[in-house]
Amino acid sequence: MPDHIYKTIKLTETSSVGSDDAIKNALARASKTTRNLRWFEVTDLRGRIEDGHVAQRQVAVKVSFALDEE
């Protein structure tokens, strides 16, 4: 396996379905404009409360992608 250099970006996504859904949506959106996605790390998880219940979950995700070879 060749060595790679990675660049990392931070994404934030909100979902009323769940945190997994928010992660999947963030990665799907990033994959439309960014090549070579390789890793992700959830760095923050928070939620909005409405009438005593969780209404939305918001995740912050660091996504790393391999830089193209020259």
PDB file of N, CA and C in Angstrom:
ATOM      1  N   MET A   1       0.851  -1.184   0.000  1.00  0.00           N
ATOM      2  CA  MET A   1       0.000   0.000   0.000  1.00  0.00           C
ATOM      3  C   MET A   1       0.890   1.237   0.000  1.00  0.00           C
ATOM      4  N   PRO A   2       0.703   2.137  -0.943  1.00  0.00           N
ATOM      5  CA  PRO A   2       1.534   3.337  -0.990  1.00  0.00           C
ATOM      6  C   PRO A   2       1.210   4.288   0.155  1.00  0.00           C
ATOM      7  N   ASP A   3       2.189   5.111   0.498  1.00  0.00           N
ATOM      8  CA  ASP A   3       1.967   6.131   1.524  1.00  0.00           C
ATOM      9  C   ASP A   3       1.076   7.230   0.954  1.00  0.00           C
ATOM     10  N   HIS A   4       0.255   7.804   1.803  1.00  0.00           N
ATOM     11  CA  HIS A   4      -0.629   8.893   1.384  1.00  0.00           C
ATOM     12  C   HIS A   4      -0.485  10.051   2.345  1.00  0.00           C
ATOM     13  N   ILE A   5      -0.730  11.228   1.826  1.00  0.00           N
ATOM     14  CA  ILE A   5      -0.868  12.421   2.656  1.00  0.00           C
ATOM     15  C   ILE A   5      -2.345  12.770   2.637  1.00  0.00           C
ATOM     16  N   TYR A   6      -2.885  13.051   3.819  1.00  0.00           N
ATOM     17  CA  TYR A   6      -4.303  13.325   3.948  1.00  0.00           C
ATOM     18  C   TYR A   6      -4.544  14.779   4.316  1.00  0.00           C
ATOM     19  N   LYS A   7      -5.646  15.300   3.808  1.00  0.00           N
ATOM     20  CA  LYS A   7      -6.143  16.605   4.220  1.00  0.00           C
ATOM     21  C   LYS A   7      -7.426  16.360   4.988  1.00  0.00           C
ATOM     22  N   THR A   8      -7.677  17.163   6.018  1.00  0.00           N
ATOM     23  CA  THR A   8      -8.856  16.985   6.856  1.00  0.00           C
ATOM     24  C   THR A   8      -9.712  18.244   6.814  1.00  0.00           C
ATOM     25  N   ILE A   9     -11.020  18.031   6.652  1.00  0.00           N
ATOM     26  CA  ILE A   9     -11.985  19.122   6.682  1.00  0.00           C
ATOM     27  C   ILE A   9     -13.016  18.823   7.770  1.00  0.00           C
ATOM     28  N   LYS A  10     -13.694  19.849   8.247  1.00  0.00           N
ATOM     29  CA  LYS A  10     -14.712  19.667   9.271  1.00  0.00           C
ATOM     30  C   LYS A  10     -16.083  19.973   8.677  1.00  0.00           C
ATOM     31  N   LEU A  11     -17.027  19.064   8.894  1.00  0.00           N
ATOM     32  CA  LEU A  11     -18.394  19.218   8.417  1.00  0.00           C
ATOM     33  C   LEU A  11     -19.350  19.188   9.603  1.00  0.00           C
ATOM     34  N   THR A  12     -20.466  19.869   9.472  1.00  0.00           N
ATOM     35  CA  THR A  12     -21.520  19.823  10.483  1.00  0.00           C
ATOM     36  C   THR A  12     -22.842  19.544   9.773  1.00  0.00           C
ATOM     37  N   GLU A  13     -23.579  18.569  10.277  1.00  0.00           N
ATOM     38  CA  GLU A  13     -24.856  18.178   9.669  1.00  0.00           C
ATOM     39  C   GLU A  13     -25.892  17.968  10.761  1.00  0.00           C
ATOM     40  N   THR A  14     -27.140  18.256  10.455  1.00  0.00           N
ATOM     41  CA  THR A  14     -28.250  18.107  11.395  1.00  0.00           C
ATOM     42  C   THR A  14     -29.268  17.136  10.824  1.00  0.00           C
ATOM     43  N   SER A  15     -29.857  16.311  11.698  1.00  0.00           N
ATOM     44  CA  SER A  15     -30.885  15.371  11.275  1.00  0.00           C
ATOM     45  C   SER A  15     -31.931  15.229  12.370  1.00  0.00           C
ATOM     46  N   SER A  16     -33.171  15.086  11.965  1.00  0.00           N
ATOM     47  CA  SER A  16     -34.228  14.803  12.933  1.00  0.00           C
ATOM     48  C   SER A  16     -34.415  13.295  13.094  1.00  0.00           C
ATOM     49  N   VAL A  17     -33.726  12.503  12.263  1.00  0.00           N
ATOM     50  CA  VAL A  17     -33.828  11.043  12.319  1.00  0.00           C
ATOM     51  C   VAL A  17     -32.870  10.465  13.359  1.00  0.00           C
ATOM     52  N   GLY A  18     -31.606  10.891  13.331  1.00  0.00           N
ATOM     53  CA  GLY A  18     -30.633  10.375  14.276  1.00  0.00           C
ATOM     54  C   GLY A  18     -29.216  10.793  13.913  1.00  0.00           C
ATOM     55  N   SER A  19     -28.283  10.551  14.821  1.00  0.00           N
ATOM     56  CA  SER A  19     -26.901  10.952  14.583  1.00  0.00           C
ATOM     57  C   SER A  19     -26.266  10.154  13.444  1.00  0.00           C
ATOM     58  N   ASP A  20     -26.586   8.860  13.327  1.00  0.00           N
ATOM     59  CA  ASP A  20     -26.058   8.071  12.203  1.00  0.00           C
ATOM     60  C   ASP A  20     -26.517   8.649  10.869  1.00  0.00           C
ATOM     61  N   ASP A  21     -27.756   9.081  10.804  1.00  0.00           N
ATOM     62  CA  ASP A  21     -28.296   9.693   9.595  1.00  0.00           C
ATOM     63  C   ASP A  21     -27.548  10.984   9.265  1.00  0.00           C
ATOM     64  N   ALA A  22     -27.255  11.769  10.274  1.00  0.00           N
ATOM     65  CA  ALA A  22     -26.518  13.018  10.069  1.00  0.00           C
ATOM     66  C   ALA A  22     -25.118  12.732   9.533  1.00  0.00           C
ATOM     67  N   ILE A  23     -24.461  11.705  10.076  1.00  0.00           N
ATOM     68  CA  ILE A  23     -23.126  11.330   9.592  1.00  0.00           C
ATOM     69  C   ILE A  23     -23.199  10.888   8.137  1.00  0.00           C
ATOM     70  N   LYS A  24     -24.130  10.008   7.826  1.00  0.00           N
ATOM     71  CA  LYS A  24     -24.276   9.510   6.448  1.00  0.00           C
ATOM     72  C   LYS A  24     -24.559  10.647   5.480  1.00  0.00           C
ATOM     73  N   ASN A  25     -25.414  11.596   5.872  1.00  0.00           N
ATOM     74  CA  ASN A  25     -25.732  12.734   5.007  1.00  0.00           C
ATOM     75  C   ASN A  25     -24.511  13.620   4.770  1.00  0.00           C
ATOM     76  N   ALA A  26     -23.742  13.857   5.822  1.00  0.00           N
ATOM     77  CA  ALA A  26     -22.538  14.686   5.686  1.00  0.00           C
ATOM     78  C   ALA A  26     -21.535  14.030   4.739  1.00  0.00           C
ATOM     79  N   LEU A  27     -21.321  12.730   4.895  1.00  0.00           N
ATOM     80  CA  LEU A  27     -20.361  12.028   4.050  1.00  0.00           C
ATOM     81  C   LEU A  27     -20.851  11.938   2.610  1.00  0.00           C
ATOM     82  N   ALA A  28     -22.144  11.719   2.419  1.00  0.00           N
ATOM     83  CA  ALA A  28     -22.697  11.653   1.067  1.00  0.00           C
ATOM     84  C   ALA A  28     -22.543  12.993   0.354  1.00  0.00           C
ATOM     85  N   ARG A  29     -22.797  14.064   1.075  1.00  0.00           N
ATOM     86  CA  ARG A  29     -22.661  15.398   0.474  1.00  0.00           C
ATOM     87  C   ARG A  29     -21.211  15.705   0.148  1.00  0.00           C
ATOM     88  N   ALA A  30     -20.298  15.387   1.059  1.00  0.00           N
ATOM     89  CA  ALA A  30     -18.875  15.640   0.823  1.00  0.00           C
ATOM     90  C   ALA A  30     -18.366  14.841  -0.373  1.00  0.00           C
ATOM     91  N   SER A  31     -18.886  13.639  -0.554  1.00  0.00           N
ATOM     92  CA  SER A  31     -18.404  12.788  -1.645  1.00  0.00           C
ATOM     93  C   SER A  31     -18.799  13.326  -3.020  1.00  0.00           C
ATOM     94  N   LYS A  32     -19.736  14.257  -3.071  1.00  0.00           N
ATOM     95  CA  LYS A  32     -20.124  14.844  -4.356  1.00  0.00           C
ATOM     96  C   LYS A  32     -19.070  15.803  -4.894  1.00  0.00           C
ATOM     97  N   THR A  33     -18.272  16.398  -4.011  1.00  0.00           N
ATOM     98  CA  THR A  33     -17.295  17.404  -4.440  1.00  0.00           C
ATOM     99  C   THR A  33     -15.868  17.102  -4.013  1.00  0.00           C
ATOM    100  N   THR A  34     -15.668  16.042  -3.252  1.00  0.00           N
ATOM    101  CA  THR A  34     -14.340  15.716  -2.746  1.00  0.00           C
ATOM    102  C   THR A  34     -14.004  14.273  -3.096  1.00  0.00           C
ATOM    103  N   ARG A  35     -12.839  14.079  -3.708  1.00  0.00           N
ATOM    104  CA  ARG A  35     -12.402  12.731  -4.078  1.00  0.00           C
ATOM    105  C   ARG A  35     -11.588  12.105  -2.955  1.00  0.00           C
ATOM    106  N   ASN A  36     -11.459  10.801  -3.016  1.00  0.00           N
ATOM    107  CA  ASN A  36     -10.549  10.027  -2.162  1.00  0.00           C
ATOM    108  C   ASN A  36     -10.872  10.107  -0.671  1.00  0.00           C
ATOM    109  N   LEU A  37     -12.161  10.200  -0.312  1.00  0.00           N
ATOM    110  CA  LEU A  37     -12.520  10.199   1.106  1.00  0.00           C
ATOM    111  C   LEU A  37     -12.060   8.881   1.723  1.00  0.00           C
ATOM    112  N   ARG A  38     -11.442   8.952   2.905  1.00  0.00           N
ATOM    113  CA  ARG A  38     -10.902   7.741   3.516  1.00  0.00           C
ATOM    114  C   ARG A  38     -11.351   7.521   4.965  1.00  0.00           C
ATOM    115  N   TRP A  39     -11.396   8.573   5.783  1.00  0.00           N
ATOM    116  CA  TRP A  39     -11.653   8.424   7.221  1.00  0.00           C
ATOM    117  C   TRP A  39     -12.603   9.506   7.704  1.00  0.00           C
ATOM    118  N   PHE A  40     -13.299   9.193   8.788  1.00  0.00           N
ATOM    119  CA  PHE A  40     -14.063  10.242   9.459  1.00  0.00           C
ATOM    120  C   PHE A  40     -13.968  10.028  10.961  1.00  0.00           C
ATOM    121  N   GLU A  41     -14.150  11.125  11.685  1.00  0.00           N
ATOM    122  CA  GLU A  41     -14.130  11.106  13.153  1.00  0.00           C
ATOM    123  C   GLU A  41     -15.212  12.052  13.640  1.00  0.00           C
ATOM    124  N   VAL A  42     -16.110  11.558  14.472  1.00  0.00           N
ATOM    125  CA  VAL A  42     -17.132  12.417  15.067  1.00  0.00           C
ATOM    126  C   VAL A  42     -16.472  13.185  16.206  1.00  0.00           C
ATOM    127  N   THR A  43     -16.461  14.498  16.089  1.00  0.00           N
ATOM    128  CA  THR A  43     -15.784  15.318  17.097  1.00  0.00           C
ATOM    129  C   THR A  43     -16.748  15.997  18.062  1.00  0.00           C
ATOM    130  N   ASP A  44     -18.022  16.053  17.676  1.00  0.00           N
ATOM    131  CA  ASP A  44     -18.995  16.719  18.542  1.00  0.00           C
ATOM    132  C   ASP A  44     -20.379  16.171  18.232  1.00  0.00           C
ATOM    133  N   LEU A  45     -21.176  16.028  19.259  1.00  0.00           N
ATOM    134  CA  LEU A  45     -22.553  15.574  19.106  1.00  0.00           C
ATOM    135  C   LEU A  45     -23.417  16.407  20.041  1.00  0.00           C
ATOM    136  N   ARG A  46     -24.438  17.004  19.490  1.00  0.00           N
ATOM    137  CA  ARG A  46     -25.349  17.798  20.318  1.00  0.00           C
ATOM    138  C   ARG A  46     -26.759  17.641  19.770  1.00  0.00           C
ATOM    139  N   GLY A  47     -27.721  18.046  20.539  1.00  0.00           N
ATOM    140  CA  GLY A  47     -29.103  17.904  20.105  1.00  0.00           C
ATOM    141  C   GLY A  47     -29.948  19.078  20.533  1.00  0.00           C
ATOM    142  N   ARG A  48     -31.042  19.232  19.833  1.00  0.00           N
ATOM    143  CA  ARG A  48     -32.013  20.282  20.158  1.00  0.00           C
ATOM    144  C   ARG A  48     -33.205  19.620  20.833  1.00  0.00           C
ATOM    145  N   ILE A  49     -33.624  20.200  21.935  1.00  0.00           N
ATOM    146  CA  ILE A  49     -34.741  19.660  22.715  1.00  0.00           C
ATOM    147  C   ILE A  49     -35.996  20.466  22.402  1.00  0.00           C
ATOM    148  N   GLU A  50     -37.079  19.756  22.177  1.00  0.00           N
ATOM    149  CA  GLU A  50     -38.366  20.393  21.899  1.00  0.00           C
ATOM    150  C   GLU A  50     -39.440  19.661  22.705  1.00  0.00           C
ATOM    151  N   ASP A  51     -40.132  20.367  23.553  1.00  0.00           N
ATOM    152  CA  ASP A  51     -41.182  19.779  24.400  1.00  0.00           C
ATOM    153  C   ASP A  51     -40.671  18.589  25.209  1.00  0.00           C
ATOM    154  N   GLY A  52     -39.451  18.703  25.705  1.00  0.00           N
ATOM    155  CA  GLY A  52     -38.874  17.659  26.547  1.00  0.00           C
ATOM    156  C   GLY A  52     -38.333  16.448  25.799  1.00  0.00           C
ATOM    157  N   HIS A  53     -38.323  16.493  24.466  1.00  0.00           N
ATOM    158  CA  HIS A  53     -37.840  15.373  23.665  1.00  0.00           C
ATOM    159  C   HIS A  53     -36.763  15.846  22.694  1.00  0.00           C
ATOM    160  N   VAL A  54     -35.920  14.916  22.282  1.00  0.00           N
ATOM    161  CA  VAL A  54     -34.883  15.238  21.299  1.00  0.00           C
ATOM    162  C   VAL A  54     -35.554  15.460  19.944  1.00  0.00           C
ATOM    163  N   ALA A  55     -35.401  16.660  19.405  1.00  0.00           N
ATOM    164  CA  ALA A  55     -36.020  16.999  18.125  1.00  0.00           C
ATOM    165  C   ALA A  55     -35.036  16.847  16.970  1.00  0.00           C
ATOM    166  N   GLN A  56     -33.776  17.185  17.220  1.00  0.00           N
ATOM    167  CA  GLN A  56     -32.742  17.091  16.192  1.00  0.00           C
ATOM    168  C   GLN A  56     -31.416  16.730  16.822  1.00  0.00           C
ATOM    169  N   ARG A  57     -30.597  16.036  16.035  1.00  0.00           N
ATOM    170  CA  ARG A  57     -29.231  15.751  16.444  1.00  0.00           C
ATOM    171  C   ARG A  57     -28.316  16.459  15.463  1.00  0.00           C
ATOM    172  N   GLN A  58     -27.232  17.011  15.974  1.00  0.00           N
ATOM    173  CA  GLN A  58     -26.259  17.661  15.118  1.00  0.00           C
ATOM    174  C   GLN A  58     -24.891  17.057  15.406  1.00  0.00           C
ATOM    175  N   VAL A  59     -24.192  16.672  14.355  1.00  0.00           N
ATOM    176  CA  VAL A  59     -22.865  16.102  14.513  1.00  0.00           C
ATOM    177  C   VAL A  59     -21.849  16.974  13.787  1.00  0.00           C
ATOM    178  N   ALA A  60     -20.679  17.082  14.387  1.00  0.00           N
ATOM    179  CA  ALA A  60     -19.527  17.682  13.727  1.00  0.00           C
ATOM    180  C   ALA A  60     -18.596  16.519  13.408  1.00  0.00           C
ATOM    181  N   VAL A  61     -18.158  16.464  12.158  1.00  0.00           N
ATOM    182  CA  VAL A  61     -17.369  15.336  11.677  1.00  0.00           C
ATOM    183  C   VAL A  61     -16.115  15.856  11.001  1.00  0.00           C
ATOM    184  N   LYS A  62     -14.957  15.313  11.376  1.00  0.00           N
ATOM    185  CA  LYS A  62     -13.733  15.561  10.634  1.00  0.00           C
ATOM    186  C   LYS A  62     -13.627  14.468   9.582  1.00  0.00           C
ATOM    187  N   VAL A  63     -13.434  14.882   8.328  1.00  0.00           N
ATOM    188  CA  VAL A  63     -13.337  13.934   7.216  1.00  0.00           C
ATOM    189  C   VAL A  63     -11.968  14.114   6.578  1.00  0.00           C
ATOM    190  N   SER A  64     -11.266  13.004   6.407  1.00  0.00           N
ATOM    191  CA  SER A  64      -9.949  13.046   5.783  1.00  0.00           C
ATOM    192  C   SER A  64      -9.997  12.397   4.416  1.00  0.00           C
ATOM    193  N   PHE A  65      -9.264  13.003   3.483  1.00  0.00           N
ATOM    194  CA  PHE A  65      -9.170  12.441   2.143  1.00  0.00           C
ATOM    195  C   PHE A  65      -7.724  12.467   1.683  1.00  0.00           C
ATOM    196  N   ALA A  66      -7.386  11.485   0.864  1.00  0.00           N
ATOM    197  CA  ALA A  66      -6.020  11.378   0.353  1.00  0.00           C
ATOM    198  C   ALA A  66      -5.820  12.406  -0.752  1.00  0.00           C
ATOM    199  N   LEU A  67      -4.699  13.104  -0.671  1.00  0.00           N
ATOM    200  CA  LEU A  67      -4.367  14.053  -1.736  1.00  0.00           C
ATOM    201  C   LEU A  67      -3.938  13.295  -2.979  1.00  0.00           C
ATOM    202  N   ASP A  68      -4.273  13.834  -4.140  1.00  0.00           N
ATOM    203  CA  ASP A  68      -3.864  13.214  -5.400  1.00  0.00           C
ATOM    204  C   ASP A  68      -2.350  13.210  -5.511  1.00  0.00           C
ATOM    205  N   GLU A  69      -1.843  12.169  -6.139  1.00  0.00           N
ATOM    206  CA  GLU A  69      -0.404  12.107  -6.426  1.00  0.00           C
ATOM    207  C   GLU A  69      -0.099  13.091  -7.556  1.00  0.00           C
ATOM    208  N   GLU A  70       1.083  13.645  -7.552  1.00  0.00           N
ATOM    209  CA  GLU A  70       1.444  14.601  -8.609  1.00  0.00           C
ATOM    210  C   GLU A  70       1.709  13.882  -9.907  1.00  0.00           C
TER     211      GLU A  70
END
